[in-house]
Amino acid sequence: LVQAGGSLRLSCAASGRTFSNYAMGWFRQAPGKEREFVIGISRNGGR
């Protein structure tokens, strides 16, 4: 929980296959809404 105007940092830890073989994304879903894209990053972080 954070107040409007504030900041928050989310982390995602991966395990299993080689992490650098996967592009990663963050999505979000609000109540009553469809899941939506938020932000993404390429395999090497370059894009």
ModelCIF file with pLDDT and N, C-alpha, C, O atoms, coordinates in Angstrom:
data_MODEL
#
_entry.id   MODEL 
#
_entity.id                         1 
_entity.type                       polymer 
_entity.pdbx_number_of_molecules   1 
#
_entity_poly.entity_id                      1 
_entity_poly.type                           'polypeptide(L)' 
_entity_poly.nstd_linkage                   no 
_entity_poly.nstd_monomer                   no 
_entity_poly.pdbx_seq_one_letter_code       LVQAGGSLRLSCAASGRTFSNYAMGWFRQAPGKEREFVIGISRNGGR 
_entity_poly.pdbx_seq_one_letter_code_can   LVQAGGSLRLSCAASGRTFSNYAMGWFRQAPGKEREFVIGISRNGGR 
_entity_poly.pdbx_strand_id                 A 
#
loop_
_entity_poly_seq.entity_id 
_entity_poly_seq.num 
_entity_poly_seq.mon_id 
_entity_poly_seq.hetero 
1 1  LEU n 
1 2  VAL n 
1 3  GLN n 
1 4  ALA n 
1 5  GLY n 
1 6  GLY n 
1 7  SER n 
1 8  LEU n 
1 9  ARG n 
1 10 LEU n 
1 11 SER n 
1 12 CYS n 
1 13 ALA n 
1 14 ALA n 
1 15 SER n 
1 16 GLY n 
1 17 ARG n 
1 18 THR n 
1 19 PHE n 
1 20 SER n 
1 21 ASN n 
1 22 TYR n 
1 23 ALA n 
1 24 MET n 
1 25 GLY n 
1 26 TRP n 
1 27 PHE n 
1 28 ARG n 
1 29 GLN n 
1 30 ALA n 
1 31 PRO n 
1 32 GLY n 
1 33 LYS n 
1 34 GLU n 
1 35 ARG n 
1 36 GLU n 
1 37 PHE n 
1 38 VAL n 
1 39 ILE n 
1 40 GLY n 
1 41 ILE n 
1 42 SER n 
1 43 ARG n 
1 44 ASN n 
1 45 GLY n 
1 46 GLY n 
1 47 ARG n 
#
_struct_asym.id          A 
_struct_asym.entity_id   1 
#
loop_
_ma_qa_metric.id 
_ma_qa_metric.mode 
_ma_qa_metric.name 
_ma_qa_metric.software_group_id 
_ma_qa_metric.type 
1 global pLDDT . pLDDT 
2 local  pLDDT . pLDDT 
#
_ma_qa_metric_global.metric_id      1 
_ma_qa_metric_global.metric_value   96.40 
_ma_qa_metric_global.model_id       1 
_ma_qa_metric_global.ordinal_id     1 
#
loop_
_ma_qa_metric_local.label_asym_id 
_ma_qa_metric_local.label_comp_id 
_ma_qa_metric_local.label_seq_id 
_ma_qa_metric_local.metric_id 
_ma_qa_metric_local.metric_value 
_ma_qa_metric_local.model_id 
_ma_qa_metric_local.ordinal_id 
A LEU 1  2 97.00 1 1  
A VAL 2  2 98.00 1 2  
A GLN 3  2 98.00 1 3  
A ALA 4  2 98.00 1 4  
A GLY 5  2 98.00 1 5  
A GLY 6  2 98.00 1 6  
A SER 7  2 98.00 1 7  
A LEU 8  2 98.00 1 8  
A ARG 9  2 98.00 1 9  
A LEU 10 2 98.00 1 10 
A SER 11 2 98.00 1 11 
A CYS 12 2 98.00 1 12 
A ALA 13 2 98.00 1 13 
A ALA 14 2 97.00 1 14 
A SER 15 2 94.00 1 15 
A GLY 16 2 93.00 1 16 
A ARG 17 2 88.00 1 17 
A THR 18 2 93.00 1 18 
A PHE 19 2 95.00 1 19 
A SER 20 2 95.00 1 20 
A ASN 21 2 96.00 1 21 
A TYR 22 2 96.00 1 22 
A ALA 23 2 97.00 1 23 
A MET 24 2 97.00 1 24 
A GLY 25 2 97.00 1 25 
A TRP 26 2 98.00 1 26 
A PHE 27 2 98.00 1 27 
A ARG 28 2 98.00 1 28 
A GLN 29 2 98.00 1 29 
A ALA 30 2 97.00 1 30 
A PRO 31 2 93.00 1 31 
A GLY 32 2 95.00 1 32 
A LYS 33 2 96.00 1 33 
A GLU 34 2 97.00 1 34 
A ARG 35 2 97.00 1 35 
A GLU 36 2 97.00 1 36 
A PHE 37 2 97.00 1 37 
A VAL 38 2 98.00 1 38 
A ILE 39 2 98.00 1 39 
A GLY 40 2 97.00 1 40 
A ILE 41 2 97.00 1 41 
A SER 42 2 96.00 1 42 
A ARG 43 2 95.00 1 43 
A ASN 44 2 94.00 1 44 
A GLY 45 2 94.00 1 45 
A GLY 46 2 94.00 1 46 
A ARG 47 2 96.00 1 47 
#
loop_
_atom_site.group_PDB 
_atom_site.id 
_atom_site.type_symbol 
_atom_site.label_atom_id 
_atom_site.label_alt_id 
_atom_site.label_comp_id 
_atom_site.label_asym_id 
_atom_site.label_entity_id 
_atom_site.label_seq_id 
_atom_site.pdbx_PDB_ins_code 
_atom_site.Cartn_x 
_atom_site.Cartn_y 
_atom_site.Cartn_z 
_atom_site.occupancy 
_atom_site.B_iso_or_equiv 
_atom_site.pdbx_formal_charge 
_atom_site.auth_seq_id 
_atom_site.auth_comp_id 
_atom_site.auth_asym_id 
_atom_site.auth_atom_id 
_atom_site.pdbx_PDB_model_num 
ATOM 1   N N  . LEU A 1 1  ? 0.854   -1.191  0.000   1.00 97.00 ? 1  LEU A N  1 
ATOM 2   C CA . LEU A 1 1  ? 0.000   0.000   0.000   1.00 97.00 ? 1  LEU A CA 1 
ATOM 3   C C  . LEU A 1 1  ? 0.886   1.236   0.000   1.00 97.00 ? 1  LEU A C  1 
ATOM 4   O O  . LEU A 1 1  ? 1.829   1.332   0.785   1.00 97.00 ? 1  LEU A O  1 
ATOM 5   N N  . VAL A 1 2  ? 0.584   2.170   -0.873  1.00 98.00 ? 2  VAL A N  1 
ATOM 6   C CA . VAL A 1 2  ? 1.365   3.401   -0.973  1.00 98.00 ? 2  VAL A CA 1 
ATOM 7   C C  . VAL A 1 2  ? 0.423   4.560   -1.276  1.00 98.00 ? 2  VAL A C  1 
ATOM 8   O O  . VAL A 1 2  ? -0.615  4.381   -1.913  1.00 98.00 ? 2  VAL A O  1 
ATOM 9   N N  . GLN A 1 3  ? 0.791   5.729   -0.819  1.00 98.00 ? 3  GLN A N  1 
ATOM 10  C CA . GLN A 1 3  ? -0.023  6.913   -1.101  1.00 98.00 ? 3  GLN A CA 1 
ATOM 11  C C  . GLN A 1 3  ? 0.237   7.417   -2.517  1.00 98.00 ? 3  GLN A C  1 
ATOM 12  O O  . GLN A 1 3  ? 1.309   7.198   -3.081  1.00 98.00 ? 3  GLN A O  1 
ATOM 13  N N  . ALA A 1 4  ? -0.737  8.079   -3.066  1.00 98.00 ? 4  ALA A N  1 
ATOM 14  C CA . ALA A 1 4  ? -0.573  8.685   -4.389  1.00 98.00 ? 4  ALA A CA 1 
ATOM 15  C C  . ALA A 1 4  ? 0.638   9.606   -4.387  1.00 98.00 ? 4  ALA A C  1 
ATOM 16  O O  . ALA A 1 4  ? 0.866   10.365  -3.445  1.00 98.00 ? 4  ALA A O  1 
ATOM 17  N N  . GLY A 1 5  ? 1.400   9.521   -5.455  1.00 98.00 ? 5  GLY A N  1 
ATOM 18  C CA . GLY A 1 5  ? 2.627   10.297  -5.561  1.00 98.00 ? 5  GLY A CA 1 
ATOM 19  C C  . GLY A 1 5  ? 3.846   9.569   -5.046  1.00 98.00 ? 5  GLY A C  1 
ATOM 20  O O  . GLY A 1 5  ? 4.975   10.017  -5.251  1.00 98.00 ? 5  GLY A O  1 
ATOM 21  N N  . GLY A 1 6  ? 3.633   8.470   -4.392  1.00 98.00 ? 6  GLY A N  1 
ATOM 22  C CA . GLY A 1 6  ? 4.723   7.704   -3.820  1.00 98.00 ? 6  GLY A CA 1 
ATOM 23  C C  . GLY A 1 6  ? 5.365   6.759   -4.823  1.00 98.00 ? 6  GLY A C  1 
ATOM 24  O O  . GLY A 1 6  ? 5.019   6.741   -6.004  1.00 98.00 ? 6  GLY A O  1 
ATOM 25  N N  . SER A 1 7  ? 6.312   5.976   -4.316  1.00 98.00 ? 7  SER A N  1 
ATOM 26  C CA . SER A 1 7  ? 7.065   5.046   -5.148  1.00 98.00 ? 7  SER A CA 1 
ATOM 27  C C  . SER A 1 7  ? 7.024   3.647   -4.551  1.00 98.00 ? 7  SER A C  1 
ATOM 28  O O  . SER A 1 7  ? 6.803   3.454   -3.356  1.00 98.00 ? 7  SER A O  1 
ATOM 29  N N  . LEU A 1 8  ? 7.242   2.694   -5.422  1.00 98.00 ? 8  LEU A N  1 
ATOM 30  C CA . LEU A 1 8  ? 7.269   1.295   -5.001  1.00 98.00 ? 8  LEU A CA 1 
ATOM 31  C C  . LEU A 1 8  ? 8.132   0.529   -5.989  1.00 98.00 ? 8  LEU A C  1 
ATOM 32  O O  . LEU A 1 8  ? 8.148   0.843   -7.179  1.00 98.00 ? 8  LEU A O  1 
ATOM 33  N N  . ARG A 1 9  ? 8.844   -0.469  -5.503  1.00 98.00 ? 9  ARG A N  1 
ATOM 34  C CA . ARG A 1 9  ? 9.682   -1.297  -6.364  1.00 98.00 ? 9  ARG A CA 1 
ATOM 35  C C  . ARG A 1 9  ? 9.249   -2.741  -6.253  1.00 98.00 ? 9  ARG A C  1 
ATOM 36  O O  . ARG A 1 9  ? 9.217   -3.319  -5.166  1.00 98.00 ? 9  ARG A O  1 
ATOM 37  N N  . LEU A 1 10 ? 8.919   -3.311  -7.388  1.00 98.00 ? 10 LEU A N  1 
ATOM 38  C CA . LEU A 1 10 ? 8.567   -4.723  -7.445  1.00 98.00 ? 10 LEU A CA 1 
ATOM 39  C C  . LEU A 1 10 ? 9.743   -5.513  -7.992  1.00 98.00 ? 10 LEU A C  1 
ATOM 40  O O  . LEU A 1 10 ? 10.491  -5.029  -8.842  1.00 98.00 ? 10 LEU A O  1 
ATOM 41  N N  . SER A 1 11 ? 9.895   -6.714  -7.504  1.00 98.00 ? 11 SER A N  1 
ATOM 42  C CA . SER A 1 11 ? 10.939  -7.599  -7.997  1.00 98.00 ? 11 SER A CA 1 
ATOM 43  C C  . SER A 1 11 ? 10.327  -8.923  -8.428  1.00 98.00 ? 11 SER A C  1 
ATOM 44  O O  . SER A 1 11 ? 9.306   -9.359  -7.896  1.00 98.00 ? 11 SER A O  1 
ATOM 45  N N  . CYS A 1 12 ? 10.965  -9.543  -9.388  1.00 98.00 ? 12 CYS A N  1 
ATOM 46  C CA . CYS A 1 12 ? 10.535  -10.850 -9.867  1.00 98.00 ? 12 CYS A CA 1 
ATOM 47  C C  . CYS A 1 12 ? 11.777  -11.732 -9.936  1.00 98.00 ? 12 CYS A C  1 
ATOM 48  O O  . CYS A 1 12 ? 12.743  -11.415 -10.630 1.00 98.00 ? 12 CYS A O  1 
ATOM 49  N N  . ALA A 1 13 ? 11.736  -12.832 -9.214  1.00 98.00 ? 13 ALA A N  1 
ATOM 50  C CA . ALA A 1 13 ? 12.839  -13.777 -9.213  1.00 98.00 ? 13 ALA A CA 1 
ATOM 51  C C  . ALA A 1 13 ? 12.467  -14.980 -10.066 1.00 98.00 ? 13 ALA A C  1 
ATOM 52  O O  . ALA A 1 13 ? 11.396  -15.564 -9.904  1.00 98.00 ? 13 ALA A O  1 
ATOM 53  N N  . ALA A 1 14 ? 13.354  -15.337 -10.965 1.00 97.00 ? 14 ALA A N  1 
ATOM 54  C CA . ALA A 1 14 ? 13.104  -16.440 -11.881 1.00 97.00 ? 14 ALA A CA 1 
ATOM 55  C C  . ALA A 1 14 ? 14.000  -17.625 -11.551 1.00 97.00 ? 14 ALA A C  1 
ATOM 56  O O  . ALA A 1 14 ? 15.126  -17.468 -11.080 1.00 97.00 ? 14 ALA A O  1 
ATOM 57  N N  . SER A 1 15 ? 13.475  -18.800 -11.809 1.00 94.00 ? 15 SER A N  1 
ATOM 58  C CA . SER A 1 15 ? 14.253  -20.028 -11.654 1.00 94.00 ? 15 SER A CA 1 
ATOM 59  C C  . SER A 1 15 ? 13.800  -21.020 -12.712 1.00 94.00 ? 15 SER A C  1 
ATOM 60  O O  . SER A 1 15 ? 12.723  -20.886 -13.292 1.00 94.00 ? 15 SER A O  1 
ATOM 61  N N  . GLY A 1 16 ? 14.626  -22.000 -12.948 1.00 93.00 ? 16 GLY A N  1 
ATOM 62  C CA . GLY A 1 16 ? 14.296  -22.993 -13.951 1.00 93.00 ? 16 GLY A CA 1 
ATOM 63  C C  . GLY A 1 16 ? 15.249  -22.880 -15.126 1.00 93.00 ? 16 GLY A C  1 
ATOM 64  O O  . GLY A 1 16 ? 16.439  -23.163 -14.990 1.00 93.00 ? 16 GLY A O  1 
ATOM 65  N N  . ARG A 1 17 ? 14.749  -22.478 -16.255 1.00 88.00 ? 17 ARG A N  1 
ATOM 66  C CA . ARG A 1 17 ? 15.558  -22.405 -17.470 1.00 88.00 ? 17 ARG A CA 1 
ATOM 67  C C  . ARG A 1 17 ? 16.412  -21.137 -17.493 1.00 88.00 ? 17 ARG A C  1 
ATOM 68  O O  . ARG A 1 17 ? 16.294  -20.278 -16.619 1.00 88.00 ? 17 ARG A O  1 
ATOM 69  N N  . THR A 1 18 ? 17.261  -21.035 -18.492 1.00 93.00 ? 18 THR A N  1 
ATOM 70  C CA . THR A 1 18 ? 18.192  -19.925 -18.590 1.00 93.00 ? 18 THR A CA 1 
ATOM 71  C C  . THR A 1 18 ? 17.450  -18.607 -18.723 1.00 93.00 ? 18 THR A C  1 
ATOM 72  O O  . THR A 1 18 ? 16.754  -18.362 -19.708 1.00 93.00 ? 18 THR A O  1 
ATOM 73  N N  . PHE A 1 19 ? 17.611  -17.769 -17.718 1.00 95.00 ? 19 PHE A N  1 
ATOM 74  C CA . PHE A 1 19 ? 16.840  -16.527 -17.629 1.00 95.00 ? 19 PHE A CA 1 
ATOM 75  C C  . PHE A 1 19 ? 17.106  -15.607 -18.816 1.00 95.00 ? 19 PHE A C  1 
ATOM 76  O O  . PHE A 1 19 ? 16.188  -14.953 -19.311 1.00 95.00 ? 19 PHE A O  1 
ATOM 77  N N  . SER A 1 20 ? 18.340  -15.553 -19.269 1.00 95.00 ? 20 SER A N  1 
ATOM 78  C CA . SER A 1 20 ? 18.693  -14.634 -20.353 1.00 95.00 ? 20 SER A CA 1 
ATOM 79  C C  . SER A 1 20 ? 18.104  -15.042 -21.700 1.00 95.00 ? 20 SER A C  1 
ATOM 80  O O  . SER A 1 20 ? 18.242  -14.305 -22.676 1.00 95.00 ? 20 SER A O  1 
ATOM 81  N N  . ASN A 1 21 ? 17.466  -16.177 -21.771 1.00 96.00 ? 21 ASN A N  1 
ATOM 82  C CA . ASN A 1 21 ? 16.792  -16.608 -22.994 1.00 96.00 ? 21 ASN A CA 1 
ATOM 83  C C  . ASN A 1 21 ? 15.368  -16.076 -23.098 1.00 96.00 ? 21 ASN A C  1 
ATOM 84  O O  . ASN A 1 21 ? 14.663  -16.357 -24.068 1.00 96.00 ? 21 ASN A O  1 
ATOM 85  N N  . TYR A 1 22 ? 14.950  -15.309 -22.097 1.00 96.00 ? 22 TYR A N  1 
ATOM 86  C CA . TYR A 1 22 ? 13.569  -14.849 -22.041 1.00 96.00 ? 22 TYR A CA 1 
ATOM 87  C C  . TYR A 1 22 ? 13.477  -13.338 -21.949 1.00 96.00 ? 22 TYR A C  1 
ATOM 88  O O  . TYR A 1 22 ? 14.146  -12.701 -21.135 1.00 96.00 ? 22 TYR A O  1 
ATOM 89  N N  . ALA A 1 23 ? 12.634  -12.783 -22.802 1.00 97.00 ? 23 ALA A N  1 
ATOM 90  C CA . ALA A 1 23 ? 12.208  -11.410 -22.597 1.00 97.00 ? 23 ALA A CA 1 
ATOM 91  C C  . ALA A 1 23 ? 11.236  -11.421 -21.420 1.00 97.00 ? 23 ALA A C  1 
ATOM 92  O O  . ALA A 1 23 ? 10.550  -12.414 -21.174 1.00 97.00 ? 23 ALA A O  1 
ATOM 93  N N  . MET A 1 24 ? 11.190  -10.326 -20.715 1.00 97.00 ? 24 MET A N  1 
ATOM 94  C CA . MET A 1 24 ? 10.359  -10.263 -19.516 1.00 97.00 ? 24 MET A CA 1 
ATOM 95  C C  . MET A 1 24 ? 9.388   -9.102  -19.605 1.00 97.00 ? 24 MET A C  1 
ATOM 96  O O  . MET A 1 24 ? 9.670   -8.075  -20.223 1.00 97.00 ? 24 MET A O  1 
ATOM 97  N N  . GLY A 1 25 ? 8.254   -9.285  -18.980 1.00 97.00 ? 25 GLY A N  1 
ATOM 98  C CA . GLY A 1 25 ? 7.259   -8.233  -18.963 1.00 97.00 ? 25 GLY A CA 1 
ATOM 99  C C  . GLY A 1 25 ? 6.536   -8.168  -17.629 1.00 97.00 ? 25 GLY A C  1 
ATOM 100 O O  . GLY A 1 25 ? 6.483   -9.133  -16.866 1.00 97.00 ? 25 GLY A O  1 
ATOM 101 N N  . TRP A 1 26 ? 5.990   -7.001  -17.386 1.00 98.00 ? 26 TRP A N  1 
ATOM 102 C CA . TRP A 1 26 ? 5.096   -6.821  -16.248 1.00 98.00 ? 26 TRP A CA 1 
ATOM 103 C C  . TRP A 1 26 ? 3.716   -6.458  -16.791 1.00 98.00 ? 26 TRP A C  1 
ATOM 104 O O  . TRP A 1 26 ? 3.573   -5.608  -17.670 1.00 98.00 ? 26 TRP A O  1 
ATOM 105 N N  . PHE A 1 27 ? 2.735   -7.109  -16.255 1.00 98.00 ? 27 PHE A N  1 
ATOM 106 C CA . PHE A 1 27 ? 1.347   -6.846  -16.594 1.00 98.00 ? 27 PHE A CA 1 
ATOM 107 C C  . PHE A 1 27 ? 0.608   -6.539  -15.296 1.00 98.00 ? 27 PHE A C  1 
ATOM 108 O O  . PHE A 1 27 ? 1.111   -6.790  -14.201 1.00 98.00 ? 27 PHE A O  1 
ATOM 109 N N  . ARG A 1 28 ? -0.583  -5.996  -15.441 1.00 98.00 ? 28 ARG A N  1 
ATOM 110 C CA . ARG A 1 28 ? -1.396  -5.742  -14.251 1.00 98.00 ? 28 ARG A CA 1 
ATOM 111 C C  . ARG A 1 28 ? -2.861  -5.971  -14.560 1.00 98.00 ? 28 ARG A C  1 
ATOM 112 O O  . ARG A 1 28 ? -3.305  -5.883  -15.704 1.00 98.00 ? 28 ARG A O  1 
ATOM 113 N N  . GLN A 1 29 ? -3.591  -6.266  -13.507 1.00 98.00 ? 29 GLN A N  1 
ATOM 114 C CA . GLN A 1 29 ? -5.024  -6.491  -13.660 1.00 98.00 ? 29 GLN A CA 1 
ATOM 115 C C  . GLN A 1 29 ? -5.748  -5.866  -12.484 1.00 98.00 ? 29 GLN A C  1 
ATOM 116 O O  . GLN A 1 29 ? -5.555  -6.255  -11.332 1.00 98.00 ? 29 GLN A O  1 
ATOM 117 N N  . ALA A 1 30 ? -6.574  -4.904  -12.794 1.00 97.00 ? 30 ALA A N  1 
ATOM 118 C CA . ALA A 1 30 ? -7.395  -4.254  -11.786 1.00 97.00 ? 30 ALA A CA 1 
ATOM 119 C C  . ALA A 1 30 ? -8.733  -4.980  -11.681 1.00 97.00 ? 30 ALA A C  1 
ATOM 120 O O  . ALA A 1 30 ? -9.137  -5.656  -12.627 1.00 97.00 ? 30 ALA A O  1 
ATOM 121 N N  . PRO A 1 31 ? -9.422  -4.855  -10.565 1.00 93.00 ? 31 PRO A N  1 
ATOM 122 C CA . PRO A 1 31 ? -10.709 -5.530  -10.393 1.00 93.00 ? 31 PRO A CA 1 
ATOM 123 C C  . PRO A 1 31 ? -11.684 -5.181  -11.503 1.00 93.00 ? 31 PRO A C  1 
ATOM 124 O O  . PRO A 1 31 ? -11.904 -4.009  -11.810 1.00 93.00 ? 31 PRO A O  1 
ATOM 125 N N  . GLY A 1 32 ? -12.262 -6.204  -12.096 1.00 95.00 ? 32 GLY A N  1 
ATOM 126 C CA . GLY A 1 32 ? -13.250 -5.997  -13.138 1.00 95.00 ? 32 GLY A CA 1 
ATOM 127 C C  . GLY A 1 32 ? -12.682 -5.615  -14.489 1.00 95.00 ? 32 GLY A C  1 
ATOM 128 O O  . GLY A 1 32 ? -13.433 -5.319  -15.419 1.00 95.00 ? 32 GLY A O  1 
ATOM 129 N N  . LYS A 1 33 ? -11.360 -5.620  -14.607 1.00 96.00 ? 33 LYS A N  1 
ATOM 130 C CA . LYS A 1 33 ? -10.732 -5.234  -15.879 1.00 96.00 ? 33 LYS A CA 1 
ATOM 131 C C  . LYS A 1 33 ? -9.867  -6.366  -16.411 1.00 96.00 ? 33 LYS A C  1 
ATOM 132 O O  . LYS A 1 33 ? -9.505  -7.291  -15.683 1.00 96.00 ? 33 LYS A O  1 
ATOM 133 N N  . GLU A 1 34 ? -9.545  -6.273  -17.694 1.00 97.00 ? 34 GLU A N  1 
ATOM 134 C CA . GLU A 1 34 ? -8.677  -7.267  -18.292 1.00 97.00 ? 34 GLU A CA 1 
ATOM 135 C C  . GLU A 1 34 ? -7.222  -7.007  -17.906 1.00 97.00 ? 34 GLU A C  1 
ATOM 136 O O  . GLU A 1 34 ? -6.829  -5.890  -17.567 1.00 97.00 ? 34 GLU A O  1 
ATOM 137 N N  . ARG A 1 35 ? -6.462  -8.059  -17.971 1.00 97.00 ? 35 ARG A N  1 
ATOM 138 C CA . ARG A 1 35 ? -5.030  -7.920  -17.717 1.00 97.00 ? 35 ARG A CA 1 
ATOM 139 C C  . ARG A 1 35 ? -4.404  -7.090  -18.835 1.00 97.00 ? 35 ARG A C  1 
ATOM 140 O O  . ARG A 1 35 ? -4.703  -7.295  -20.011 1.00 97.00 ? 35 ARG A O  1 
ATOM 141 N N  . GLU A 1 36 ? -3.537  -6.155  -18.464 1.00 97.00 ? 36 GLU A N  1 
ATOM 142 C CA . GLU A 1 36 ? -2.950  -5.273  -19.448 1.00 97.00 ? 36 GLU A CA 1 
ATOM 143 C C  . GLU A 1 36 ? -1.438  -5.199  -19.312 1.00 97.00 ? 36 GLU A C  1 
ATOM 144 O O  . GLU A 1 36 ? -0.882  -5.382  -18.229 1.00 97.00 ? 36 GLU A O  1 
ATOM 145 N N  . PHE A 1 37 ? -0.793  -4.930  -20.426 1.00 97.00 ? 37 PHE A N  1 
ATOM 146 C CA . PHE A 1 37 ? 0.655   -4.763  -20.462 1.00 97.00 ? 37 PHE A CA 1 
ATOM 147 C C  . PHE A 1 37 ? 1.047   -3.475  -19.760 1.00 97.00 ? 37 PHE A C  1 
ATOM 148 O O  . PHE A 1 37 ? 0.382   -2.448  -19.898 1.00 97.00 ? 37 PHE A O  1 
ATOM 149 N N  . VAL A 1 38 ? 2.136   -3.543  -19.006 1.00 98.00 ? 38 VAL A N  1 
ATOM 150 C CA . VAL A 1 38 ? 2.663   -2.356  -18.328 1.00 98.00 ? 38 VAL A CA 1 
ATOM 151 C C  . VAL A 1 38 ? 4.015   -1.966  -18.902 1.00 98.00 ? 38 VAL A C  1 
ATOM 152 O O  . VAL A 1 38 ? 4.221   -0.828  -19.324 1.00 98.00 ? 38 VAL A O  1 
ATOM 153 N N  . ILE A 1 39 ? 4.926   -2.921  -18.911 1.00 98.00 ? 39 ILE A N  1 
ATOM 154 C CA . ILE A 1 39 ? 6.304   -2.607  -19.289 1.00 98.00 ? 39 ILE A CA 1 
ATOM 155 C C  . ILE A 1 39 ? 7.022   -3.905  -19.622 1.00 98.00 ? 39 ILE A C  1 
ATOM 156 O O  . ILE A 1 39 ? 6.690   -4.959  -19.079 1.00 98.00 ? 39 ILE A O  1 
ATOM 157 N N  . GLY A 1 40 ? 8.010   -3.833  -20.514 1.00 97.00 ? 40 GLY A N  1 
ATOM 158 C CA . GLY A 1 40 ? 8.742   -5.024  -20.896 1.00 97.00 ? 40 GLY A CA 1 
ATOM 159 C C  . GLY A 1 40 ? 10.195  -4.728  -21.169 1.00 97.00 ? 40 GLY A C  1 
ATOM 160 O O  . GLY A 1 40 ? 10.595  -3.574  -21.329 1.00 97.00 ? 40 GLY A O  1 
ATOM 161 N N  . ILE A 1 41 ? 10.985  -5.793  -21.220 1.00 97.00 ? 41 ILE A N  1 
ATOM 162 C CA . ILE A 1 41 ? 12.414  -5.646  -21.453 1.00 97.00 ? 41 ILE A CA 1 
ATOM 163 C C  . ILE A 1 41 ? 12.911  -6.846  -22.248 1.00 97.00 ? 41 ILE A C  1 
ATOM 164 O O  . ILE A 1 41 ? 12.473  -7.977  -22.041 1.00 97.00 ? 41 ILE A O  1 
ATOM 165 N N  . SER A 1 42 ? 13.838  -6.571  -23.164 1.00 96.00 ? 42 SER A N  1 
ATOM 166 C CA . SER A 1 42 ? 14.370  -7.620  -24.017 1.00 96.00 ? 42 SER A CA 1 
ATOM 167 C C  . SER A 1 42 ? 15.296  -8.552  -23.233 1.00 96.00 ? 42 SER A C  1 
ATOM 168 O O  . SER A 1 42 ? 15.578  -8.323  -22.057 1.00 96.00 ? 42 SER A O  1 
ATOM 169 N N  . ARG A 1 43 ? 15.751  -9.582  -23.892 1.00 95.00 ? 43 ARG A N  1 
ATOM 170 C CA . ARG A 1 43 ? 16.543  -10.606 -23.235 1.00 95.00 ? 43 ARG A CA 1 
ATOM 171 C C  . ARG A 1 43 ? 17.823  -10.072 -22.594 1.00 95.00 ? 43 ARG A C  1 
ATOM 172 O O  . ARG A 1 43 ? 18.191  -10.470 -21.489 1.00 95.00 ? 43 ARG A O  1 
ATOM 173 N N  . ASN A 1 44 ? 18.482  -9.178  -23.295 1.00 94.00 ? 44 ASN A N  1 
ATOM 174 C CA . ASN A 1 44 ? 19.737  -8.656  -22.762 1.00 94.00 ? 44 ASN A CA 1 
ATOM 175 C C  . ASN A 1 44 ? 19.567  -7.294  -22.087 1.00 94.00 ? 44 ASN A C  1 
ATOM 176 O O  . ASN A 1 44 ? 20.541  -6.686  -21.645 1.00 94.00 ? 44 ASN A O  1 
ATOM 177 N N  . GLY A 1 45 ? 18.345  -6.834  -22.015 1.00 94.00 ? 45 GLY A N  1 
ATOM 178 C CA . GLY A 1 45 ? 18.084  -5.557  -21.362 1.00 94.00 ? 45 GLY A CA 1 
ATOM 179 C C  . GLY A 1 45 ? 18.309  -4.353  -22.236 1.00 94.00 ? 45 GLY A C  1 
ATOM 180 O O  . GLY A 1 45 ? 18.184  -3.218  -21.776 1.00 94.00 ? 45 GLY A O  1 
ATOM 181 N N  . GLY A 1 46 ? 18.636  -4.580  -23.481 1.00 94.00 ? 46 GLY A N  1 
ATOM 182 C CA . GLY A 1 46 ? 18.960  -3.468  -24.359 1.00 94.00 ? 46 GLY A CA 1 
ATOM 183 C C  . GLY A 1 46 ? 17.770  -2.668  -24.838 1.00 94.00 ? 46 GLY A C  1 
ATOM 184 O O  . GLY A 1 46 ? 17.910  -1.509  -25.230 1.00 94.00 ? 46 GLY A O  1 
ATOM 185 N N  . ARG A 1 47 ? 16.610  -3.275  -24.807 1.00 96.00 ? 47 ARG A N  1 
ATOM 186 C CA . ARG A 1 47 ? 15.404  -2.574  -25.259 1.00 96.00 ? 47 ARG A CA 1 
ATOM 187 C C  . ARG A 1 47 ? 14.321  -2.681  -24.199 1.00 96.00 ? 47 ARG A C  1 
ATOM 188 O O  . ARG A 1 47 ? 13.223  -2.157  -24.382 1.00 96.00 ? 47 ARG A O  1 
#
